[in-house]
């Protein structure tokens, strides 16, 4: 991920959705919405500890960036600020 875009993406954008798509890609086009929802829930439940930690770290970093942005009253923030 480019550094300039890192602050604009949520943890779901940068990891989770790509991971889930890779897990269900083979049958993705032939699924009903309900079946797709079930597969997503099942895959999230099956995440191993390493992937759960990646998501947790990403969520924490994203929350920290939101706080930084709020502290700057919506102004621009950069990495390491």
Protein backbone atom coordinates (compact mmCIF):
# COMPACT_ATOMS: atom_id res chain seq x y z
CA UNK A 1 0.00 0.00 0.00
CA UNK A 2 1.31 3.44 -0.84
CA UNK A 3 2.14 5.56 2.17
CA UNK A 4 0.00 8.43 0.89
CA UNK A 5 -3.07 6.21 0.82
CA UNK A 6 -2.37 4.39 4.09
CA UNK A 7 -4.26 6.94 6.18
CA UNK A 8 -7.30 6.84 3.90
CA UNK A 9 -7.98 3.11 4.07
CA UNK A 10 -9.74 1.25 6.83
CA UNK A 11 -8.45 -2.13 8.03
CA UNK A 12 -11.25 -3.78 6.11
CA UNK A 13 -10.16 -2.03 2.90
CA UNK A 14 -6.51 -2.85 3.33
CA UNK A 15 -6.72 -6.48 4.47
CA UNK A 16 -10.01 -8.11 5.37
CA UNK A 17 -12.02 -7.74 2.14
CA UNK A 18 -9.13 -8.90 -0.03
CA UNK A 19 -8.59 -11.87 2.26
CA UNK A 20 -12.27 -12.82 2.23
CA UNK A 21 -12.54 -12.42 -1.52
CA UNK A 22 -9.56 -14.73 -2.01
CA UNK A 23 -11.25 -17.36 0.16
CA UNK A 24 -14.58 -17.36 -1.69
CA UNK A 25 -13.50 -16.20 -5.16
CA UNK A 26 -14.03 -19.55 -6.88
CA UNK A 27 -17.78 -19.56 -6.30
CA UNK A 28 -18.32 -15.82 -5.85
CA UNK A 29 -20.26 -15.21 -9.08
CA UNK A 30 -22.80 -17.99 -8.56
CA UNK A 31 -23.86 -17.12 -5.01
CA UNK A 32 -27.03 -15.61 -3.67
CA UNK A 33 -26.63 -12.66 -1.31
CA UNK A 34 -27.71 -14.82 1.63
CA UNK A 35 -25.17 -17.53 0.80
CA UNK A 36 -22.46 -14.92 0.35
CA UNK A 37 -23.29 -13.45 3.77
CA UNK A 38 -23.08 -16.90 5.33
CA UNK A 39 -19.70 -17.59 3.73
CA UNK A 40 -18.33 -14.23 4.92
CA UNK A 41 -19.50 -14.87 8.49
CA UNK A 42 -18.02 -18.39 8.40
CA UNK A 43 -14.66 -17.17 7.05
CA UNK A 44 -14.42 -14.43 9.67
CA UNK A 45 -15.19 -16.98 12.40
CA UNK A 46 -12.41 -19.20 11.03
CA UNK A 47 -9.71 -16.49 10.99
CA UNK A 48 -6.52 -17.70 12.64
CA UNK A 49 -4.84 -15.74 15.44
CA UNK A 50 -2.32 -14.08 13.10
CA UNK A 51 -5.02 -12.69 10.83
CA UNK A 52 -7.12 -11.62 13.81
CA UNK A 53 -4.07 -9.74 15.14
CA UNK A 54 -3.53 -8.02 11.76
CA UNK A 55 -7.13 -6.82 11.78
CA UNK A 56 -6.94 -5.74 15.42
CA UNK A 57 -3.73 -3.79 14.79
CA UNK A 58 -5.27 -2.17 11.74
CA UNK A 59 -8.43 -1.19 13.61
CA UNK A 60 -6.38 0.33 16.44
CA UNK A 61 -4.24 2.33 13.99
CA UNK A 62 -7.35 3.47 12.12
CA UNK A 63 -8.98 4.62 15.37
CA UNK A 64 -5.81 6.52 16.30
CA UNK A 65 -5.87 8.28 12.93
CA UNK A 66 -9.52 9.24 13.42
CA UNK A 67 -8.64 10.80 16.79
CA UNK A 68 -5.73 12.70 15.18
CA UNK A 69 -8.06 14.00 12.47
CA UNK A 70 -10.66 15.06 15.03
CA UNK A 71 -7.97 16.82 17.07
CA UNK A 72 -7.01 18.78 13.93
CA UNK A 73 -10.70 19.60 13.40
CA UNK A 74 -10.80 17.56 10.21
CA UNK A 75 -7.53 18.88 8.90
CA UNK A 76 -4.90 16.89 7.03
CA UNK A 77 -2.79 14.41 8.97
CA UNK A 78 0.30 12.53 7.86
CA UNK A 79 1.93 9.32 9.01
CA UNK A 80 3.92 9.74 12.21
CA UNK A 81 2.09 12.91 13.19
